[in-house]
């Protein structure tokens, strides 16, 4: 594992809730050109999904992350996957309890890391608003990534953490796009209805009907 002062020094600061300064795809290519081949290859397995890319669900109704993912070659990535897996399994459990579903959880959720469990509880409370719940989860993810990276600002973990945060910002942008499109459709329908009313005028009695 090398030390990457140049890469860390040139990266724009990322702020949760603001627009991403670059796409995740662009950053992957940039980082690969500056990391050792072995470290750069691990960028391909950095994901918000706690499972290794390419693995499917077990086929028995359980999610693909029902079991711990195999080691990736990076403690940071492995710890991130463990954190995200704990989060998702606990979200599933609390939402099932809240909606009073009788079906048992596909796998018993872990109780550690504790902050992942706490984030799941907060998201479950906001279940009436799926968008609000996702915002709660993404904020918890952002904080967990910073914690897992630690104080070492010049290792390969900087690149992995930065990529994860870019992926979170892209998710937030997609939420805003969806929300904006829904508002646009509502506004468009109202405008169209108003325009039609102006053209047709007030509806009067039909021909032959008494006035």
C-alpha atoms as a PDB file:
ATOM      1  CA  UNK A   1       0.000   0.000   0.000  1.00  0.00           C
ATOM      2  CA  UNK A   2       1.586   3.210  -1.159  1.00  0.00           C
ATOM      3  CA  UNK A   3       1.385   6.797   0.040  1.00  0.00           C
ATOM      4  CA  UNK A   4      -0.429   9.098  -2.341  1.00  0.00           C
ATOM      5  CA  UNK A   5       0.279  12.702  -1.432  1.00  0.00           C
ATOM      6  CA  UNK A   6      -0.254  14.008  -4.957  1.00  0.00           C
ATOM      7  CA  UNK A   7      -3.654  12.374  -5.363  1.00  0.00           C
ATOM      8  CA  UNK A   8      -4.926  13.549  -1.971  1.00  0.00           C
ATOM      9  CA  UNK A   9      -3.640  17.091  -2.477  1.00  0.00           C
ATOM     10  CA  UNK A  10      -5.436  17.682  -5.783  1.00  0.00           C
ATOM     11  CA  UNK A  11      -8.863  16.296  -4.829  1.00  0.00           C
ATOM     12  CA  UNK A  12     -11.616  18.916  -4.446  1.00  0.00           C
ATOM     13  CA  UNK A  13     -13.263  18.887  -1.038  1.00  0.00           C
ATOM     14  CA  UNK A  14     -16.546  16.980  -0.866  1.00  0.00           C
ATOM     15  CA  UNK A  15     -19.412  18.404   1.205  1.00  0.00           C
ATOM     16  CA  UNK A  16     -22.481  16.355   1.978  1.00  0.00           C
ATOM     17  CA  UNK A  17     -25.549  17.866   0.326  1.00  0.00           C
ATOM     18  CA  UNK A  18     -23.615  19.794  -2.325  1.00  0.00           C
ATOM     19  CA  UNK A  19     -23.083  18.891  -5.969  1.00  0.00           C
ATOM     20  CA  UNK A  20     -20.281  16.489  -6.832  1.00  0.00           C
ATOM     21  CA  UNK A  21     -17.279  18.165  -8.527  1.00  0.00           C
ATOM     22  CA  UNK A  22     -16.870  15.168 -10.859  1.00  0.00           C
ATOM     23  CA  UNK A  23     -18.553  11.897 -11.726  1.00  0.00           C
ATOM     24  CA  UNK A  24     -17.614   8.658 -10.022  1.00  0.00           C
ATOM     25  CA  UNK A  25     -16.662   7.190 -13.405  1.00  0.00           C
ATOM     26  CA  UNK A  26     -14.237  10.048 -14.091  1.00  0.00           C
ATOM     27  CA  UNK A  27     -12.680   9.709 -10.643  1.00  0.00           C
ATOM     28  CA  UNK A  28     -12.154   5.964 -11.050  1.00  0.00           C
ATOM     29  CA  UNK A  29     -10.106   6.581 -14.187  1.00  0.00           C
ATOM     30  CA  UNK A  30      -8.197   9.474 -12.627  1.00  0.00           C
ATOM     31  CA  UNK A  31      -7.344   7.526  -9.491  1.00  0.00           C
ATOM     32  CA  UNK A  32      -6.309   4.431 -11.448  1.00  0.00           C
ATOM     33  CA  UNK A  33      -3.741   6.521 -13.290  1.00  0.00           C
ATOM     34  CA  UNK A  34      -2.203   7.632  -9.984  1.00  0.00           C
ATOM     35  CA  UNK A  35      -2.426   4.474  -7.861  1.00  0.00           C
ATOM     36  CA  UNK A  36      -0.320   1.347  -8.002  1.00  0.00           C
ATOM     37  CA  UNK A  37      -1.872  -1.327 -10.207  1.00  0.00           C
ATOM     38  CA  UNK A  38      -2.937  -3.480  -7.247  1.00  0.00           C
ATOM     39  CA  UNK A  39      -4.474  -0.572  -5.348  1.00  0.00           C
ATOM     40  CA  UNK A  40      -6.109   0.819  -8.478  1.00  0.00           C
ATOM     41  CA  UNK A  41      -7.733  -2.501  -9.318  1.00  0.00           C
ATOM     42  CA  UNK A  42      -9.664  -2.384  -6.046  1.00  0.00           C
ATOM     43  CA  UNK A  43     -11.487   0.733  -7.245  1.00  0.00           C
ATOM     44  CA  UNK A  44     -13.564  -1.601  -9.410  1.00  0.00           C
ATOM     45  CA  UNK A  45     -15.039  -3.292  -6.336  1.00  0.00           C
ATOM     46  CA  UNK A  46     -15.786  -0.093  -4.407  1.00  0.00           C
ATOM     47  CA  UNK A  47     -19.562   0.194  -4.279  1.00  0.00           C
ATOM     48  CA  UNK A  48     -22.438   1.272  -2.062  1.00  0.00           C
ATOM     49  CA  UNK A  49     -23.596  -2.334  -2.288  1.00  0.00           C
ATOM     50  CA  UNK A  50     -22.188  -4.485   0.532  1.00  0.00           C
ATOM     51  CA  UNK A  51     -21.700  -7.464  -1.796  1.00  0.00           C
ATOM     52  CA  UNK A  52     -18.940  -8.082  -4.296  1.00  0.00           C
ATOM     53  CA  UNK A  53     -19.916  -7.004  -7.843  1.00  0.00           C
ATOM     54  CA  UNK A  54     -21.455  -9.750  -9.954  1.00  0.00           C
ATOM     55  CA  UNK A  55     -22.903 -11.826  -7.096  1.00  0.00           C
ATOM     56  CA  UNK A  56     -26.642 -12.441  -7.175  1.00  0.00           C
ATOM     57  CA  UNK A  57     -29.154 -13.227  -4.493  1.00  0.00           C
ATOM     58  CA  UNK A  58     -29.037 -16.732  -3.080  1.00  0.00           C
ATOM     59  CA  UNK A  59     -32.309 -17.649  -4.800  1.00  0.00           C
ATOM     60  CA  UNK A  60     -34.101 -18.422  -1.525  1.00  0.00           C
ATOM     61  CA  UNK A  61     -35.554 -14.977  -0.968  1.00  0.00           C
ATOM     62  CA  UNK A  62     -32.526 -13.735   0.912  1.00  0.00           C
ATOM     63  CA  UNK A  63     -30.574 -10.682  -0.283  1.00  0.00           C
ATOM     64  CA  UNK A  64     -27.144 -11.204  -1.805  1.00  0.00           C
ATOM     65  CA  UNK A  65     -25.604  -9.674   1.331  1.00  0.00           C
ATOM     66  CA  UNK A  66     -27.304 -12.126   3.693  1.00  0.00           C
ATOM     67  CA  UNK A  67     -23.833 -13.543   4.296  1.00  0.00           C
ATOM     68  CA  UNK A  68     -20.597 -11.654   4.799  1.00  0.00           C
ATOM     69  CA  UNK A  69     -18.772 -10.850   1.593  1.00  0.00           C
ATOM     70  CA  UNK A  70     -15.411 -12.494   0.986  1.00  0.00           C
ATOM     71  CA  UNK A  71     -12.302 -10.444   1.687  1.00  0.00           C
ATOM     72  CA  UNK A  72     -11.547  -7.846  -0.963  1.00  0.00           C
ATOM     73  CA  UNK A  73      -7.892  -7.226  -0.191  1.00  0.00           C
ATOM     74  CA  UNK A  74      -8.591  -3.946   1.601  1.00  0.00           C
ATOM     75  CA  UNK A  75      -9.528  -3.657   5.283  1.00  0.00           C
ATOM     76  CA  UNK A  76     -11.261  -0.352   4.572  1.00  0.00           C
ATOM     77  CA  UNK A  77     -13.500  -1.858   1.868  1.00  0.00           C
ATOM     78  CA  UNK A  78     -14.220  -4.922   4.011  1.00  0.00           C
ATOM     79  CA  UNK A  79     -15.172  -2.775   7.019  1.00  0.00           C
ATOM     80  CA  UNK A  80     -17.355  -0.612   4.800  1.00  0.00           C
ATOM     81  CA  UNK A  81     -19.173  -3.668   3.465  1.00  0.00           C
ATOM     82  CA  UNK A  82     -19.689  -4.942   7.005  1.00  0.00           C
ATOM     83  CA  UNK A  83     -21.112  -1.559   8.045  1.00  0.00           C
ATOM     84  CA  UNK A  84     -23.457  -1.305   5.056  1.00  0.00           C
ATOM     85  CA  UNK A  85     -24.618  -4.910   5.428  1.00  0.00           C
ATOM     86  CA  UNK A  86     -25.467  -4.279   9.083  1.00  0.00           C
ATOM     87  CA  UNK A  87     -27.361  -1.144   8.102  1.00  0.00           C
ATOM     88  CA  UNK A  88     -29.440  -2.811   5.393  1.00  0.00           C
ATOM     89  CA  UNK A  89     -30.360  -5.872   7.402  1.00  0.00           C
ATOM     90  CA  UNK A  90     -31.461  -3.763  10.346  1.00  0.00           C
ATOM     91  CA  UNK A  91     -33.459  -1.433   8.093  1.00  0.00           C
ATOM     92  CA  UNK A  92     -35.273  -4.484   6.725  1.00  0.00           C
ATOM     93  CA  UNK A  93     -36.022  -5.753  10.222  1.00  0.00           C
ATOM     94  CA  UNK A  94     -37.316  -2.447  11.616  1.00  0.00           C
ATOM     95  CA  UNK A  95     -39.428  -1.721   8.550  1.00  0.00           C
ATOM     96  CA  UNK A  96     -40.944  -5.197   8.779  1.00  0.00           C
ATOM     97  CA  UNK A  97     -41.783  -4.586  12.426  1.00  0.00           C
ATOM     98  CA  UNK A  98     -43.229  -1.163  11.689  1.00  0.00           C
ATOM     99  CA  UNK A  99     -45.450  -2.435   8.887  1.00  0.00           C
ATOM    100  CA  UNK A 100     -46.383  -5.467  11.031  1.00  0.00           C
ATOM    101  CA  UNK A 101     -45.403  -7.985   8.400  1.00  0.00           C
ATOM    102  CA  UNK A 102     -45.533 -11.564   9.651  1.00  0.00           C
ATOM    103  CA  UNK A 103     -42.699 -12.804   7.493  1.00  0.00           C
ATOM    104  CA  UNK A 104     -39.490 -13.388   9.388  1.00  0.00           C
ATOM    105  CA  UNK A 105     -36.334 -11.512   8.480  1.00  0.00           C
ATOM    106  CA  UNK A 106     -34.254 -13.396   5.873  1.00  0.00           C
ATOM    107  CA  UNK A 107     -31.259 -13.329   8.222  1.00  0.00           C
ATOM    108  CA  UNK A 108     -30.710 -12.183  11.794  1.00  0.00           C
ATOM    109  CA  UNK A 109     -29.351  -8.609  11.620  1.00  0.00           C
ATOM    110  CA  UNK A 110     -25.986  -7.967  13.300  1.00  0.00           C
ATOM    111  CA  UNK A 111     -25.864  -5.601  16.266  1.00  0.00           C
ATOM    112  CA  UNK A 112     -22.468  -4.198  15.352  1.00  0.00           C
ATOM    113  CA  UNK A 113     -21.416  -1.639  14.163  1.00  0.00           C
ATOM    114  CA  UNK A 114     -23.738   0.120  16.598  1.00  0.00           C
ATOM    115  CA  UNK A 115     -23.925   3.355  14.577  1.00  0.00           C
ATOM    116  CA  UNK A 116     -25.250   1.408  11.580  1.00  0.00           C
ATOM    117  CA  UNK A 117     -28.001  -0.053  13.773  1.00  0.00           C
ATOM    118  CA  UNK A 118     -28.845   3.414  15.130  1.00  0.00           C
ATOM    119  CA  UNK A 119     -29.097   4.815  11.606  1.00  0.00           C
ATOM    120  CA  UNK A 120     -31.444   1.989  10.655  1.00  0.00           C
ATOM    121  CA  UNK A 121     -33.747   2.862  13.565  1.00  0.00           C
ATOM    122  CA  UNK A 122     -33.882   6.532  12.517  1.00  0.00           C
ATOM    123  CA  UNK A 123     -34.669   5.567   8.931  1.00  0.00           C
ATOM    124  CA  UNK A 124     -37.408   3.182  10.057  1.00  0.00           C
ATOM    125  CA  UNK A 125     -39.069   6.013  11.987  1.00  0.00           C
ATOM    126  CA  UNK A 126     -39.164   8.061   8.767  1.00  0.00           C
ATOM    127  CA  UNK A 127     -40.610   5.217   6.710  1.00  0.00           C
ATOM    128  CA  UNK A 128     -43.724   7.245   5.763  1.00  0.00           C
ATOM    129  CA  UNK A 129     -41.395   9.362   3.640  1.00  0.00           C
ATOM    130  CA  UNK A 130     -39.071   7.050   1.659  1.00  0.00           C
ATOM    131  CA  UNK A 131     -37.077  10.053   0.442  1.00  0.00           C
ATOM    132  CA  UNK A 132     -36.531  11.325   3.992  1.00  0.00           C
ATOM    133  CA  UNK A 133     -35.499   7.841   5.091  1.00  0.00           C
ATOM    134  CA  UNK A 134     -32.933   7.605   2.284  1.00  0.00           C
ATOM    135  CA  UNK A 135     -31.524  10.987   3.264  1.00  0.00           C
ATOM    136  CA  UNK A 136     -31.105   9.771   6.856  1.00  0.00           C
ATOM    137  CA  UNK A 137     -29.300   6.666   5.647  1.00  0.00           C
ATOM    138  CA  UNK A 138     -27.007   8.521   3.255  1.00  0.00           C
ATOM    139  CA  UNK A 139     -25.982  10.999   5.945  1.00  0.00           C
ATOM    140  CA  UNK A 140     -25.112   8.064   8.221  1.00  0.00           C
ATOM    141  CA  UNK A 141     -23.163   6.435   5.396  1.00  0.00           C
ATOM    142  CA  UNK A 142     -21.207   9.649   4.825  1.00  0.00           C
ATOM    143  CA  UNK A 143     -20.204   9.874   8.478  1.00  0.00           C
ATOM    144  CA  UNK A 144     -19.286   6.183   8.626  1.00  0.00           C
ATOM    145  CA  UNK A 145     -17.007   6.522   5.596  1.00  0.00           C
ATOM    146  CA  UNK A 146     -15.111   9.351   7.280  1.00  0.00           C
ATOM    147  CA  UNK A 147     -14.792   7.351  10.473  1.00  0.00           C
ATOM    148  CA  UNK A 148     -13.552   4.232   8.667  1.00  0.00           C
ATOM    149  CA  UNK A 149     -10.997   6.242   6.706  1.00  0.00           C
ATOM    150  CA  UNK A 150      -9.526   7.584   9.914  1.00  0.00           C
ATOM    151  CA  UNK A 151      -6.758  10.143  10.081  1.00  0.00           C
ATOM    152  CA  UNK A 152      -4.552   8.639   7.373  1.00  0.00           C
ATOM    153  CA  UNK A 153      -5.060  11.127   4.547  1.00  0.00           C
ATOM    154  CA  UNK A 154      -2.426   9.831   2.179  1.00  0.00           C
ATOM    155  CA  UNK A 155      -3.099   6.108   1.778  1.00  0.00           C
ATOM    156  CA  UNK A 156      -5.154   4.280  -0.831  1.00  0.00           C
ATOM    157  CA  UNK A 157      -8.110   4.538   1.551  1.00  0.00           C
ATOM    158  CA  UNK A 158      -8.400   8.202   0.572  1.00  0.00           C
ATOM    159  CA  UNK A 159      -9.312   7.137  -2.963  1.00  0.00           C
ATOM    160  CA  UNK A 160     -11.764   4.462  -1.822  1.00  0.00           C
ATOM    161  CA  UNK A 161     -13.492   6.789   0.644  1.00  0.00           C
ATOM    162  CA  UNK A 162     -13.634   9.597  -1.912  1.00  0.00           C
ATOM    163  CA  UNK A 163     -15.251   7.309  -4.475  1.00  0.00           C
ATOM    164  CA  UNK A 164     -17.883   6.143  -1.979  1.00  0.00           C
ATOM    165  CA  UNK A 165     -18.748   9.745  -1.152  1.00  0.00           C
ATOM    166  CA  UNK A 166     -19.050  10.589  -4.855  1.00  0.00           C
ATOM    167  CA  UNK A 167     -21.459   7.677  -5.238  1.00  0.00           C
ATOM    168  CA  UNK A 168     -23.548   9.046  -2.362  1.00  0.00           C
ATOM    169  CA  UNK A 169     -23.660  12.518  -3.942  1.00  0.00           C
ATOM    170  CA  UNK A 170     -24.754  10.964  -7.231  1.00  0.00           C
ATOM    171  CA  UNK A 171     -27.551   9.153  -5.395  1.00  0.00           C
ATOM    172  CA  UNK A 172     -28.709  12.429  -3.848  1.00  0.00           C
ATOM    173  CA  UNK A 173     -28.675  14.087  -7.265  1.00  0.00           C
ATOM    174  CA  UNK A 174     -30.869  11.306  -8.658  1.00  0.00           C
ATOM    175  CA  UNK A 175     -33.331  11.817  -5.789  1.00  0.00           C
ATOM    176  CA  UNK A 176     -33.542  15.515  -6.612  1.00  0.00           C
ATOM    177  CA  UNK A 177     -34.063  14.723 -10.299  1.00  0.00           C
ATOM    178  CA  UNK A 178     -36.921  12.338  -9.529  1.00  0.00           C
ATOM    179  CA  UNK A 179     -38.510  14.785  -7.108  1.00  0.00           C
ATOM    180  CA  UNK A 180     -38.164  17.609  -9.629  1.00  0.00           C
ATOM    181  CA  UNK A 181     -39.714  15.520 -12.393  1.00  0.00           C
ATOM    182  CA  UNK A 182     -42.730  14.720 -10.198  1.00  0.00           C
ATOM    183  CA  UNK A 183     -43.172  18.415  -9.410  1.00  0.00           C
ATOM    184  CA  UNK A 184     -42.841  19.237 -13.107  1.00  0.00           C
ATOM    185  CA  UNK A 185     -45.559  16.739 -14.056  1.00  0.00           C
ATOM    186  CA  UNK A 186     -47.894  18.161 -11.398  1.00  0.00           C
ATOM    187  CA  UNK A 187     -47.226  21.725 -12.516  1.00  0.00           C
ATOM    188  CA  UNK A 188     -47.588  20.810 -16.199  1.00  0.00           C
ATOM    189  CA  UNK A 189     -50.948  19.138 -15.553  1.00  0.00           C
ATOM    190  CA  UNK A 190     -52.193  22.232 -13.700  1.00  0.00           C
ATOM    191  CA  UNK A 191     -51.038  24.551 -16.502  1.00  0.00           C
ATOM    192  CA  UNK A 192     -52.620  22.332 -19.150  1.00  0.00           C
ATOM    193  CA  UNK A 193     -55.902  22.221 -17.256  1.00  0.00           C
ATOM    194  CA  UNK A 194     -55.895  26.000 -16.858  1.00  0.00           C
ATOM    195  CA  UNK A 195     -55.123  26.527 -20.547  1.00  0.00           C
ATOM    196  CA  UNK A 196     -57.929  24.234 -21.641  1.00  0.00           C
ATOM    197  CA  UNK A 197     -60.384  26.067 -19.386  1.00  0.00           C
ATOM    198  CA  UNK A 198     -59.355  29.408 -20.934  1.00  0.00           C
ATOM    199  CA  UNK A 199     -59.852  28.147 -24.481  1.00  0.00           C
ATOM    200  CA  UNK A 200     -63.175  26.409 -23.877  1.00  0.00           C
ATOM    201  CA  UNK A 201     -64.555  29.080 -21.590  1.00  0.00           C
ATOM    202  CA  UNK A 202     -67.180  28.391 -18.996  1.00  0.00           C
ATOM    203  CA  UNK A 203     -69.256  25.359 -19.729  1.00  0.00           C
ATOM    204  CA  UNK A 204     -72.819  26.430 -20.643  1.00  0.00           C
ATOM    205  CA  UNK A 205     -75.970  24.453 -21.366  1.00  0.00           C
ATOM    206  CA  UNK A 206     -76.013  22.201 -24.389  1.00  0.00           C
ATOM    207  CA  UNK A 207     -77.866  23.182 -27.557  1.00  0.00           C
ATOM    208  CA  UNK A 208     -81.561  22.509 -27.155  1.00  0.00           C
ATOM    209  CA  UNK A 209     -81.436  22.544 -23.380  1.00  0.00           C
ATOM    210  CA  UNK A 210     -83.335  25.223 -21.504  1.00  0.00           C
ATOM    211  CA  UNK A 211     -81.213  28.108 -20.278  1.00  0.00           C
END
